Amino acid sequence: MRNYLDAKLMAKQLRERLAEKSIELGHGECLELVASQFGYADWNMLAARIALTKRRDADGETGIRFKAAAPILRIFSRDKAREFYLDYLGFHLDWADAPLTANAGPAPQYTQISRDKLVIHLSEHHGDGSPGAACWITMKGIDAFHAELAAKEYPNMRPGIEPMPPRLRVMEVIDPFGNRLRFGEFTSRRIREDGSPV
């Protein structure tokens, strides 16, 4: 689909199509028409927008953009964090400033874990988050994830999936440090309090 960056090409094609019907408009007039269709007062305004976009793209300076957030969750035991996040939830260890084991030394641990596009930072540093934080995680495949967790031999957690009408299902897990991870999947159909479709 064309956008405002294709305005010159669109004006050229408009001029050619009109010429086929014996309607003669100059290229400048066609540029003005295209600018108007994109909601600009005139071609000069649209041309300035195109130039700015191209300059930003060339410079790599595209303005303010947010990519993703990585919550920082406070942990107090490396072994319990590894058992819960890696072994139970199936996250992967991306990096750590020290091994995620109890005998890694006295320095506070700071590490990144991930699963698919979800990234979480775990920290033993004072001031990096408070125990009992809550994280909302939008996902797809909540039933498969629930079945995966139910099949594991983790003694401290047996989460269920709760319906949250009109179109949301949520599974909450609580880590050994009191942090809550709420995994939510939006449904295509409306649901009732009991989870049945409307």
N, C-alpha and C. Protein backbone atom coordinates (compact mmCIF):
# COMPACT_ATOMS: atom_id res chain seq x y z
N MET A 1 0.85 -1.17 0.00
CA MET A 1 0.00 0.00 0.00
C MET A 1 0.89 1.24 0.00
N ARG A 2 0.55 2.20 -0.80
CA ARG A 2 1.35 3.41 -0.91
C ARG A 2 1.09 4.33 0.28
N ASN A 3 2.11 5.13 0.62
CA ASN A 3 1.95 6.15 1.65
C ASN A 3 2.49 7.48 1.12
N TYR A 4 2.57 8.47 2.00
CA TYR A 4 2.95 9.82 1.55
C TYR A 4 4.36 9.88 0.95
N LEU A 5 5.22 8.92 1.26
CA LEU A 5 6.56 8.91 0.68
C LEU A 5 6.52 8.62 -0.84
N ASP A 6 5.41 8.07 -1.30
CA ASP A 6 5.24 7.75 -2.72
C ASP A 6 4.50 8.86 -3.48
N ALA A 7 4.42 10.04 -2.89
CA ALA A 7 3.59 11.11 -3.45
C ALA A 7 3.98 11.49 -4.87
N LYS A 8 5.26 11.58 -5.17
CA LYS A 8 5.67 11.97 -6.53
C LYS A 8 5.26 10.91 -7.54
N LEU A 9 5.44 9.67 -7.22
CA LEU A 9 5.02 8.59 -8.11
C LEU A 9 3.51 8.61 -8.30
N MET A 10 2.78 8.84 -7.21
CA MET A 10 1.32 8.90 -7.29
C MET A 10 0.88 10.05 -8.19
N ALA A 11 1.53 11.20 -8.07
CA ALA A 11 1.19 12.35 -8.91
C ALA A 11 1.46 12.04 -10.38
N LYS A 12 2.57 11.36 -10.66
CA LYS A 12 2.90 11.00 -12.04
C LYS A 12 1.85 10.06 -12.61
N GLN A 13 1.46 9.05 -11.82
CA GLN A 13 0.45 8.09 -12.27
C GLN A 13 -0.91 8.77 -12.46
N LEU A 14 -1.25 9.70 -11.57
CA LEU A 14 -2.50 10.43 -11.70
C LEU A 14 -2.51 11.23 -12.99
N ARG A 15 -1.41 11.91 -13.28
CA ARG A 15 -1.31 12.71 -14.51
C ARG A 15 -1.48 11.83 -15.74
N GLU A 16 -0.83 10.65 -15.74
CA GLU A 16 -0.92 9.73 -16.88
C GLU A 16 -2.35 9.21 -17.07
N ARG A 17 -3.01 8.85 -15.95
CA ARG A 17 -4.39 8.33 -16.04
C ARG A 17 -5.35 9.40 -16.54
N LEU A 18 -5.15 10.64 -16.09
CA LEU A 18 -6.00 11.73 -16.54
C LEU A 18 -5.78 12.02 -18.02
N ALA A 19 -4.51 11.93 -18.45
CA ALA A 19 -4.19 12.16 -19.87
C ALA A 19 -4.89 11.13 -20.75
N GLU A 20 -5.01 9.89 -20.26
CA GLU A 20 -5.72 8.86 -21.02
C GLU A 20 -7.17 9.23 -21.25
N LYS A 21 -7.72 10.06 -20.37
CA LYS A 21 -9.11 10.49 -20.48
C LYS A 21 -9.20 11.91 -21.06
N SER A 22 -8.09 12.35 -21.67
CA SER A 22 -8.01 13.68 -22.30
C SER A 22 -8.18 14.82 -21.30
N ILE A 23 -7.74 14.59 -20.08
CA ILE A 23 -7.74 15.66 -19.07
C ILE A 23 -6.28 16.00 -18.82
N GLU A 24 -5.92 17.22 -19.11
CA GLU A 24 -4.52 17.65 -19.00
C GLU A 24 -4.32 18.46 -17.72
N LEU A 25 -3.50 17.94 -16.83
CA LEU A 25 -3.09 18.67 -15.63
C LEU A 25 -1.57 18.62 -15.58
N GLY A 26 -0.98 19.68 -15.09
CA GLY A 26 0.47 19.71 -14.95
C GLY A 26 0.90 18.86 -13.76
N HIS A 27 2.19 18.53 -13.75
CA HIS A 27 2.72 17.71 -12.66
C HIS A 27 2.54 18.42 -11.32
N GLY A 28 2.74 19.73 -11.29
CA GLY A 28 2.58 20.49 -10.06
C GLY A 28 1.16 20.43 -9.54
N GLU A 29 0.19 20.51 -10.45
CA GLU A 29 -1.21 20.43 -10.04
C GLU A 29 -1.53 19.05 -9.46
N CYS A 30 -0.96 18.01 -10.07
CA CYS A 30 -1.17 16.65 -9.55
C CYS A 30 -0.52 16.47 -8.19
N LEU A 31 0.65 17.08 -7.99
CA LEU A 31 1.29 17.03 -6.67
C LEU A 31 0.40 17.69 -5.61
N GLU A 32 -0.23 18.81 -5.97
CA GLU A 32 -1.12 19.50 -5.04
C GLU A 32 -2.31 18.61 -4.68
N LEU A 33 -2.86 17.91 -5.67
CA LEU A 33 -3.99 17.01 -5.41
C LEU A 33 -3.60 15.87 -4.48
N VAL A 34 -2.44 15.28 -4.72
CA VAL A 34 -1.98 14.17 -3.86
C VAL A 34 -1.75 14.67 -2.44
N ALA A 35 -1.13 15.85 -2.31
CA ALA A 35 -0.89 16.42 -0.98
C ALA A 35 -2.21 16.61 -0.24
N SER A 36 -3.20 17.09 -0.96
CA SER A 36 -4.52 17.31 -0.37
C SER A 36 -5.13 15.99 0.10
N GLN A 37 -4.95 14.92 -0.67
CA GLN A 37 -5.49 13.62 -0.29
C GLN A 37 -4.85 13.09 0.99
N PHE A 38 -3.60 13.45 1.25
CA PHE A 38 -2.94 13.04 2.48
C PHE A 38 -3.19 14.01 3.63
N GLY A 39 -4.01 15.03 3.39
CA GLY A 39 -4.39 15.94 4.45
C GLY A 39 -3.46 17.13 4.65
N TYR A 40 -2.60 17.41 3.69
CA TYR A 40 -1.68 18.56 3.79
C TYR A 40 -2.27 19.75 3.05
N ALA A 41 -1.95 20.94 3.53
CA ALA A 41 -2.48 22.17 2.94
C ALA A 41 -2.01 22.34 1.50
N ASP A 42 -0.77 21.96 1.22
CA ASP A 42 -0.26 22.08 -0.14
C ASP A 42 0.96 21.17 -0.30
N TRP A 43 1.49 21.14 -1.52
CA TRP A 43 2.61 20.29 -1.84
C TRP A 43 3.84 20.65 -1.02
N ASN A 44 4.07 21.94 -0.75
CA ASN A 44 5.26 22.34 0.01
C ASN A 44 5.27 21.72 1.41
N MET A 45 4.09 21.65 2.03
CA MET A 45 4.02 21.05 3.38
C MET A 45 4.34 19.55 3.31
N LEU A 46 3.78 18.87 2.32
CA LEU A 46 4.04 17.43 2.19
C LEU A 46 5.50 17.19 1.80
N ALA A 47 6.05 18.01 0.92
CA ALA A 47 7.45 17.85 0.52
C ALA A 47 8.38 18.02 1.72
N ALA A 48 8.06 18.95 2.62
CA ALA A 48 8.87 19.14 3.83
C ALA A 48 8.80 17.91 4.72
N ARG A 49 7.63 17.32 4.83
CA ARG A 49 7.47 16.10 5.64
C ARG A 49 8.27 14.95 5.05
N ILE A 50 8.23 14.80 3.73
CA ILE A 50 8.98 13.74 3.06
C ILE A 50 10.48 13.94 3.27
N ALA A 51 10.95 15.18 3.11
CA ALA A 51 12.38 15.47 3.29
C ALA A 51 12.82 15.17 4.72
N LEU A 52 12.00 15.54 5.70
CA LEU A 52 12.34 15.29 7.10
C LEU A 52 12.41 13.79 7.38
N THR A 53 11.45 13.04 6.87
CA THR A 53 11.45 11.58 7.06
C THR A 53 12.69 10.95 6.44
N LYS A 54 13.02 11.34 5.23
CA LYS A 54 14.19 10.77 4.56
C LYS A 54 15.48 11.15 5.28
N ARG A 55 15.55 12.38 5.78
CA ARG A 55 16.75 12.81 6.51
C ARG A 55 16.90 12.01 7.81
N ARG A 56 15.81 11.83 8.52
CA ARG A 56 15.86 11.05 9.76
C ARG A 56 16.27 9.61 9.49
N ASP A 57 15.70 9.02 8.44
CA ASP A 57 16.05 7.64 8.10
C ASP A 57 17.52 7.53 7.71
N ALA A 58 18.02 8.52 6.97
CA ALA A 58 19.43 8.49 6.55
C ALA A 58 20.36 8.67 7.74
N ASP A 59 19.95 9.49 8.68
CA ASP A 59 20.78 9.75 9.86
C ASP A 59 20.63 8.67 10.92
N GLY A 60 19.60 7.85 10.78
CA GLY A 60 19.33 6.87 11.82
C GLY A 60 18.65 7.51 13.02
N GLU A 61 18.29 8.78 12.89
CA GLU A 61 17.64 9.49 13.99
C GLU A 61 16.16 9.57 13.68
N THR A 62 15.41 8.63 14.21
CA THR A 62 14.00 8.53 13.85
C THR A 62 13.10 9.09 14.94
N GLY A 63 13.63 9.89 15.82
CA GLY A 63 12.80 10.44 16.88
C GLY A 63 12.68 9.50 18.05
N ILE A 64 11.69 9.74 18.86
CA ILE A 64 11.51 8.94 20.08
C ILE A 64 10.76 7.67 19.72
N ARG A 65 11.35 6.55 20.08
CA ARG A 65 10.72 5.24 19.87
C ARG A 65 11.02 4.36 21.07
N PHE A 66 10.04 3.69 21.55
CA PHE A 66 10.23 2.76 22.64
C PHE A 66 10.17 1.36 22.06
N LYS A 67 11.15 0.54 22.38
CA LYS A 67 11.23 -0.81 21.84
C LYS A 67 10.51 -1.80 22.75
N ALA A 68 10.95 -1.92 23.98
CA ALA A 68 10.36 -2.87 24.90
C ALA A 68 10.77 -2.50 26.31
N ALA A 69 10.03 -2.97 27.27
CA ALA A 69 10.38 -2.77 28.68
C ALA A 69 10.83 -4.10 29.27
N ALA A 70 11.81 -4.05 30.13
CA ALA A 70 12.26 -5.25 30.84
C ALA A 70 12.10 -4.97 32.33
N PRO A 71 11.10 -5.58 32.96
CA PRO A 71 10.94 -5.35 34.39
C PRO A 71 12.15 -5.89 35.16
N ILE A 72 12.50 -5.19 36.22
CA ILE A 72 13.58 -5.63 37.10
C ILE A 72 12.92 -6.17 38.36
N LEU A 73 13.07 -7.47 38.61
CA LEU A 73 12.47 -8.11 39.76
C LEU A 73 13.54 -8.43 40.79
N ARG A 74 13.23 -8.13 42.03
CA ARG A 74 14.18 -8.36 43.12
C ARG A 74 14.16 -9.84 43.50
N ILE A 75 15.36 -10.41 43.63
CA ILE A 75 15.50 -11.80 44.08
C ILE A 75 16.41 -11.83 45.30
N PHE A 76 16.32 -12.89 46.08
CA PHE A 76 17.15 -13.02 47.28
C PHE A 76 17.89 -14.35 47.34
N SER A 77 17.60 -15.24 46.40
CA SER A 77 18.26 -16.53 46.37
C SER A 77 18.49 -16.92 44.92
N ARG A 78 19.74 -17.11 44.55
CA ARG A 78 20.05 -17.48 43.17
C ARG A 78 19.52 -18.87 42.84
N ASP A 79 19.63 -19.78 43.78
CA ASP A 79 19.15 -21.14 43.54
C ASP A 79 17.64 -21.18 43.33
N LYS A 80 16.90 -20.45 44.17
CA LYS A 80 15.44 -20.41 44.03
C LYS A 80 15.04 -19.70 42.74
N ALA A 81 15.77 -18.66 42.36
CA ALA A 81 15.48 -17.95 41.10
C ALA A 81 15.71 -18.88 39.91
N ARG A 82 16.81 -19.61 39.92
CA ARG A 82 17.10 -20.55 38.84
C ARG A 82 16.03 -21.63 38.76
N GLU A 83 15.66 -22.20 39.93
CA GLU A 83 14.65 -23.26 39.97
C GLU A 83 13.30 -22.77 39.43
N PHE A 84 12.91 -21.55 39.80
CA PHE A 84 11.60 -21.04 39.40
C PHE A 84 11.59 -20.55 37.95
N TYR A 85 12.50 -19.65 37.61
CA TYR A 85 12.45 -19.00 36.30
C TYR A 85 12.98 -19.88 35.16
N LEU A 86 14.07 -20.59 35.42
CA LEU A 86 14.66 -21.40 34.34
C LEU A 86 14.02 -22.79 34.28
N ASP A 87 14.03 -23.48 35.42
CA ASP A 87 13.55 -24.87 35.42
C ASP A 87 12.02 -24.96 35.30
N TYR A 88 11.30 -24.11 36.04
CA TYR A 88 9.84 -24.21 36.05
C TYR A 88 9.18 -23.43 34.89
N LEU A 89 9.49 -22.14 34.76
CA LEU A 89 8.84 -21.33 33.73
C LEU A 89 9.46 -21.49 32.34
N GLY A 90 10.65 -22.08 32.26
CA GLY A 90 11.25 -22.35 30.96
C GLY A 90 11.97 -21.18 30.32
N PHE A 91 12.37 -20.20 31.12
CA PHE A 91 13.16 -19.08 30.60
C PHE A 91 14.57 -19.55 30.31
N HIS A 92 15.28 -18.78 29.50
CA HIS A 92 16.68 -19.05 29.19
C HIS A 92 17.53 -17.96 29.82
N LEU A 93 18.69 -18.34 30.29
CA LEU A 93 19.63 -17.37 30.85
C LEU A 93 20.36 -16.70 29.69
N ASP A 94 20.16 -15.39 29.52
CA ASP A 94 20.81 -14.64 28.45
C ASP A 94 22.22 -14.22 28.86
N TRP A 95 22.31 -13.62 30.03
CA TRP A 95 23.61 -13.21 30.57
C TRP A 95 23.47 -12.95 32.05
N ALA A 96 24.60 -12.98 32.72
CA ALA A 96 24.63 -12.70 34.15
C ALA A 96 25.98 -12.11 34.49
N ASP A 97 25.99 -11.22 35.49
CA ASP A 97 27.28 -10.67 35.90
C ASP A 97 28.07 -11.65 36.75
N ALA A 98 27.41 -12.74 37.14
CA ALA A 98 28.06 -13.86 37.83
C ALA A 98 27.16 -15.07 37.59
N PRO A 99 27.66 -16.29 37.70
CA PRO A 99 26.80 -17.46 37.49
C PRO A 99 25.58 -17.44 38.41
N LEU A 100 24.47 -17.95 37.93
CA LEU A 100 23.24 -17.96 38.71
C LEU A 100 23.25 -19.18 39.64
N THR A 101 24.27 -19.20 40.51
CA THR A 101 24.40 -20.26 41.50
C THR A 101 24.77 -19.64 42.83
N ALA A 102 24.50 -20.36 43.90
CA ALA A 102 24.72 -19.82 45.25
C ALA A 102 26.19 -19.57 45.54
N ASN A 103 27.09 -20.36 44.97
CA ASN A 103 28.51 -20.22 45.29
C ASN A 103 29.25 -19.34 44.28
N ALA A 104 28.53 -18.38 43.67
CA ALA A 104 29.14 -17.51 42.66
C ALA A 104 29.90 -16.35 43.28
N GLY A 105 29.88 -16.23 44.58
CA GLY A 105 30.59 -15.13 45.23
C GLY A 105 29.63 -14.21 45.95
N PRO A 106 30.16 -13.28 46.75
CA PRO A 106 29.32 -12.44 47.59
C PRO A 106 28.70 -11.24 46.87
N ALA A 107 29.16 -10.89 45.68
CA ALA A 107 28.62 -9.72 44.98
C ALA A 107 27.16 -9.95 44.61
N PRO A 108 26.33 -8.91 44.68
CA PRO A 108 24.92 -9.08 44.29
C PRO A 108 24.80 -9.52 42.82
N GLN A 109 23.83 -10.35 42.58
CA GLN A 109 23.58 -10.90 41.25
C GLN A 109 22.73 -9.94 40.43
N TYR A 110 23.04 -9.80 39.14
CA TYR A 110 22.17 -9.10 38.18
C TYR A 110 22.22 -9.91 36.90
N THR A 111 21.05 -10.31 36.40
CA THR A 111 21.02 -11.19 35.25
C THR A 111 19.82 -10.90 34.36
N GLN A 112 19.90 -11.34 33.12
CA GLN A 112 18.77 -11.22 32.20
C GLN A 112 18.35 -12.61 31.76
N ILE A 113 17.03 -12.83 31.81
CA ILE A 113 16.45 -14.07 31.33
C ILE A 113 15.43 -13.73 30.25
N SER A 114 15.13 -14.70 29.39
CA SER A 114 14.14 -14.43 28.35
C SER A 114 13.46 -15.73 27.93
N ARG A 115 12.29 -15.53 27.37
CA ARG A 115 11.56 -16.62 26.72
C ARG A 115 10.77 -15.98 25.60
N ASP A 116 11.04 -16.42 24.37
CA ASP A 116 10.48 -15.80 23.19
C ASP A 116 10.84 -14.32 23.22
N LYS A 117 9.87 -13.40 23.20
CA LYS A 117 10.18 -11.97 23.19
C LYS A 117 10.09 -11.34 24.58
N LEU A 118 9.78 -12.14 25.58
CA LEU A 118 9.67 -11.64 26.94
C LEU A 118 11.05 -11.62 27.60
N VAL A 119 11.45 -10.45 28.09
CA VAL A 119 12.74 -10.27 28.75
C VAL A 119 12.50 -9.78 30.16
N ILE A 120 13.18 -10.38 31.14
CA ILE A 120 13.07 -9.98 32.54
C ILE A 120 14.48 -9.88 33.11
N HIS A 121 14.71 -8.86 33.95
CA HIS A 121 15.97 -8.73 34.67
C HIS A 121 15.72 -9.15 36.11
N LEU A 122 16.63 -9.94 36.65
CA LEU A 122 16.58 -10.37 38.04
C LEU A 122 17.75 -9.74 38.77
N SER A 123 17.48 -9.17 39.94
CA SER A 123 18.54 -8.45 40.63
C SER A 123 18.52 -8.70 42.13
N GLU A 124 19.73 -8.85 42.68
CA GLU A 124 19.90 -8.89 44.14
C GLU A 124 20.32 -7.52 44.67
N HIS A 125 20.46 -6.55 43.81
CA HIS A 125 20.91 -5.22 44.22
C HIS A 125 19.83 -4.49 45.02
N HIS A 126 20.23 -3.89 46.14
CA HIS A 126 19.32 -3.10 46.95
C HIS A 126 18.78 -1.94 46.11
N GLY A 127 17.48 -1.75 46.11
CA GLY A 127 16.87 -0.65 45.36
C GLY A 127 16.40 -1.03 43.98
N ASP A 128 16.77 -2.20 43.50
CA ASP A 128 16.29 -2.66 42.19
C ASP A 128 14.98 -3.42 42.38
N GLY A 129 13.92 -2.69 42.41
CA GLY A 129 12.62 -3.30 42.58
C GLY A 129 12.34 -3.64 44.03
N SER A 130 11.10 -3.89 44.32
CA SER A 130 10.68 -4.28 45.66
C SER A 130 10.03 -5.64 45.59
N PRO A 131 10.23 -6.47 46.60
CA PRO A 131 9.54 -7.76 46.61
C PRO A 131 8.03 -7.52 46.55
N GLY A 132 7.33 -8.35 45.83
CA GLY A 132 5.89 -8.21 45.72
C GLY A 132 5.45 -7.40 44.51
N ALA A 133 6.35 -7.15 43.58
CA ALA A 133 5.98 -6.42 42.35
C ALA A 133 5.06 -7.29 41.50
N ALA A 134 4.32 -6.64 40.61
CA ALA A 134 3.44 -7.36 39.69
C ALA A 134 3.79 -6.98 38.26
N CYS A 135 3.87 -7.97 37.38
CA CYS A 135 4.16 -7.75 35.96
C CYS A 135 3.02 -8.30 35.13
N TRP A 136 2.53 -7.49 34.19
CA TRP A 136 1.52 -7.94 33.25
C TRP A 136 2.22 -8.39 31.99
N ILE A 137 1.90 -9.59 31.49
CA ILE A 137 2.54 -10.15 30.31
C ILE A 137 1.45 -10.63 29.35
N THR A 138 1.30 -9.95 28.22
CA THR A 138 0.34 -10.38 27.20
C THR A 138 0.97 -11.49 26.39
N MET A 139 0.22 -12.54 26.12
CA MET A 139 0.79 -13.69 25.44
C MET A 139 -0.26 -14.37 24.56
N LYS A 140 0.19 -15.33 23.78
CA LYS A 140 -0.66 -16.24 23.02
C LYS A 140 -0.31 -17.66 23.47
N GLY A 141 -1.28 -18.55 23.47
CA GLY A 141 -1.03 -19.95 23.82
C GLY A 141 -1.05 -20.22 25.31
N ILE A 142 -1.95 -19.55 26.04
CA ILE A 142 -1.98 -19.71 27.49
C ILE A 142 -2.33 -21.13 27.92
N ASP A 143 -3.18 -21.81 27.14
CA ASP A 143 -3.53 -23.20 27.50
C ASP A 143 -2.33 -24.13 27.39
N ALA A 144 -1.54 -23.97 26.34
CA ALA A 144 -0.34 -24.79 26.18
C ALA A 144 0.68 -24.49 27.27
N PHE A 145 0.83 -23.21 27.62
CA PHE A 145 1.76 -22.83 28.68
C PHE A 145 1.30 -23.40 30.02
N HIS A 146 0.00 -23.34 30.28
CA HIS A 146 -0.55 -23.89 31.51
C HIS A 146 -0.29 -25.40 31.58
N ALA A 147 -0.51 -26.10 30.47
CA ALA A 147 -0.27 -27.55 30.43
C ALA A 147 1.21 -27.86 30.65
N GLU A 148 2.08 -27.04 30.08
CA GLU A 148 3.52 -27.23 30.26
C GLU A 148 3.90 -27.11 31.74
N LEU A 149 3.36 -26.09 32.41
CA LEU A 149 3.68 -25.91 33.83
C LEU A 149 3.07 -27.02 34.69
N ALA A 150 1.86 -27.44 34.35
CA ALA A 150 1.19 -28.49 35.13
C ALA A 150 1.95 -29.81 35.04
N ALA A 151 2.66 -30.05 33.96
CA ALA A 151 3.40 -31.30 33.77
C ALA A 151 4.72 -31.32 34.53
N LYS A 152 5.14 -30.20 35.10
CA LYS A 152 6.43 -30.14 35.81
C LYS A 152 6.26 -30.45 37.28
N GLU A 153 7.31 -30.96 37.85
CA GLU A 153 7.32 -31.35 39.27
C GLU A 153 7.77 -30.18 40.14
N TYR A 154 7.07 -29.06 40.06
CA TYR A 154 7.41 -27.91 40.90
C TYR A 154 6.42 -27.89 42.05
N PRO A 155 6.88 -28.12 43.30
CA PRO A 155 5.96 -28.33 44.42
C PRO A 155 5.26 -27.07 44.92
N ASN A 156 5.76 -25.90 44.60
CA ASN A 156 5.25 -24.68 45.22
C ASN A 156 4.22 -23.91 44.40
N MET A 157 3.83 -24.41 43.24
CA MET A 157 2.96 -23.62 42.38
C MET A 157 2.10 -24.54 41.51
N ARG A 158 0.80 -24.32 41.55
CA ARG A 158 -0.14 -25.00 40.67
C ARG A 158 -1.14 -23.96 40.17
N PRO A 159 -0.74 -23.12 39.24
CA PRO A 159 -1.63 -22.04 38.81
C PRO A 159 -2.79 -22.55 37.96
N GLY A 160 -3.87 -21.80 37.99
CA GLY A 160 -5.01 -22.07 37.13
C GLY A 160 -5.19 -20.90 36.16
N ILE A 161 -6.12 -21.06 35.24
CA ILE A 161 -6.45 -19.99 34.29
C ILE A 161 -7.80 -19.42 34.70
N GLU A 162 -7.84 -18.13 34.94
CA GLU A 162 -9.06 -17.46 35.37
C GLU A 162 -9.65 -16.63 34.24
N PRO A 163 -10.96 -16.74 33.99
CA PRO A 163 -11.58 -15.87 32.99
C PRO A 163 -11.76 -14.47 33.56
N MET A 164 -11.53 -13.47 32.73
CA MET A 164 -11.77 -12.08 33.10
C MET A 164 -12.58 -11.45 31.97
N PRO A 165 -13.92 -11.58 32.04
CA PRO A 165 -14.76 -11.06 30.97
C PRO A 165 -14.48 -9.58 30.72
N PRO A 166 -14.65 -9.10 29.49
CA PRO A 166 -15.35 -9.84 28.45
C PRO A 166 -14.44 -10.69 27.55
N ARG A 167 -13.12 -10.44 27.45
CA ARG A 167 -12.31 -11.16 26.46
C ARG A 167 -10.91 -11.51 26.96
N LEU A 168 -10.76 -11.83 28.21
CA LEU A 168 -9.42 -12.04 28.75
C LEU A 168 -9.39 -13.27 29.64
N ARG A 169 -8.29 -14.03 29.53
CA ARG A 169 -8.02 -15.17 30.40
C ARG A 169 -6.64 -14.97 31.00
N VAL A 170 -6.50 -15.18 32.30
CA VAL A 170 -5.28 -14.85 33.02
C VAL A 170 -4.79 -16.02 33.86
N MET A 171 -3.48 -16.22 33.84
CA MET A 171 -2.83 -17.19 34.72
C MET A 171 -1.76 -16.44 35.49
N GLU A 172 -1.83 -16.51 36.80
CA GLU A 172 -0.87 -15.80 37.64
C GLU A 172 0.05 -16.79 38.34
N VAL A 173 1.34 -16.49 38.32
CA VAL A 173 2.31 -17.25 39.10
C VAL A 173 3.03 -16.29 40.03
N ILE A 174 3.45 -16.81 41.17
CA ILE A 174 4.15 -15.99 42.16
C ILE A 174 5.51 -16.62 42.40
N ASP A 175 6.56 -15.82 42.21
CA ASP A 175 7.91 -16.36 42.39
C ASP A 175 8.24 -16.49 43.88
N PRO A 176 9.34 -17.13 44.23
CA PRO A 176 9.68 -17.35 45.63
C PRO A 176 9.93 -16.06 46.43
N PHE A 177 9.94 -14.92 45.75
CA PHE A 177 10.24 -13.64 46.40
C PHE A 177 9.00 -12.75 46.48
N GLY A 178 7.84 -13.30 46.11
CA GLY A 178 6.58 -12.57 46.20
C GLY A 178 6.22 -11.78 44.96
N ASN A 179 7.04 -11.84 43.92
CA ASN A 179 6.73 -11.13 42.68
C ASN A 179 5.67 -11.90 41.90
N ARG A 180 4.68 -11.19 41.36
CA ARG A 180 3.58 -11.80 40.63
C ARG A 180 3.75 -11.57 39.14
N LEU A 181 3.68 -12.64 38.38
CA LEU A 181 3.70 -12.55 36.92
C LEU A 181 2.31 -12.96 36.43
N ARG A 182 1.62 -12.02 35.80
CA ARG A 182 0.26 -12.26 35.31
C ARG A 182 0.32 -12.42 33.80
N PHE A 183 0.12 -13.64 33.35
CA PHE A 183 0.12 -13.95 31.92
C PHE A 183 -1.33 -13.86 31.44
N GLY A 184 -1.57 -13.01 30.45
CA GLY A 184 -2.93 -12.81 29.96
C GLY A 184 -3.04 -13.01 28.47
N GLU A 185 -4.11 -13.66 28.07
CA GLU A 185 -4.40 -13.87 26.65
C GLU A 185 -5.79 -13.34 26.34
N PHE A 186 -5.88 -12.47 25.34
CA PHE A 186 -7.17 -11.95 24.90
C PHE A 186 -7.82 -12.98 23.98
N THR A 187 -9.13 -13.15 24.14
CA THR A 187 -9.86 -14.12 23.34
C THR A 187 -10.57 -13.41 22.19
N SER A 188 -10.82 -14.14 21.12
CA SER A 188 -11.51 -13.56 19.98
C SER A 188 -13.01 -13.45 20.25
N ARG A 189 -13.52 -14.28 21.15
CA ARG A 189 -14.95 -14.26 21.49
C ARG A 189 -15.13 -13.79 22.92
N ARG A 190 -16.26 -13.19 23.17
CA ARG A 190 -16.58 -12.76 24.53
C ARG A 190 -16.77 -13.98 25.42
N ILE A 191 -16.40 -13.86 26.70
CA ILE A 191 -16.54 -14.97 27.65
C ILE A 191 -17.33 -14.52 28.88
N ARG A 192 -17.90 -15.51 29.57
CA ARG A 192 -18.63 -15.25 30.81
C ARG A 192 -17.70 -15.44 32.01
N GLU A 193 -18.22 -15.18 33.19
CA GLU A 193 -17.45 -15.35 34.44
C GLU A 193 -16.93 -16.77 34.60
N ASP A 194 -17.69 -17.77 34.11
CA ASP A 194 -17.26 -19.16 34.24
C ASP A 194 -16.32 -19.59 33.13
N GLY A 195 -16.01 -18.68 32.20
CA GLY A 195 -15.08 -18.98 31.11
C GLY A 195 -15.74 -19.48 29.85
N SER A 196 -17.04 -19.72 29.89
CA SER A 196 -17.74 -20.21 28.69
C SER A 196 -17.98 -19.06 27.72
N PRO A 197 -18.03 -19.36 26.42
CA PRO A 197 -18.25 -18.30 25.43
C PRO A 197 -19.66 -17.71 25.54
N VAL A 198 -19.78 -16.44 25.21
CA VAL A 198 -21.09 -15.77 25.23
C VAL A 198 -21.84 -16.13 23.97
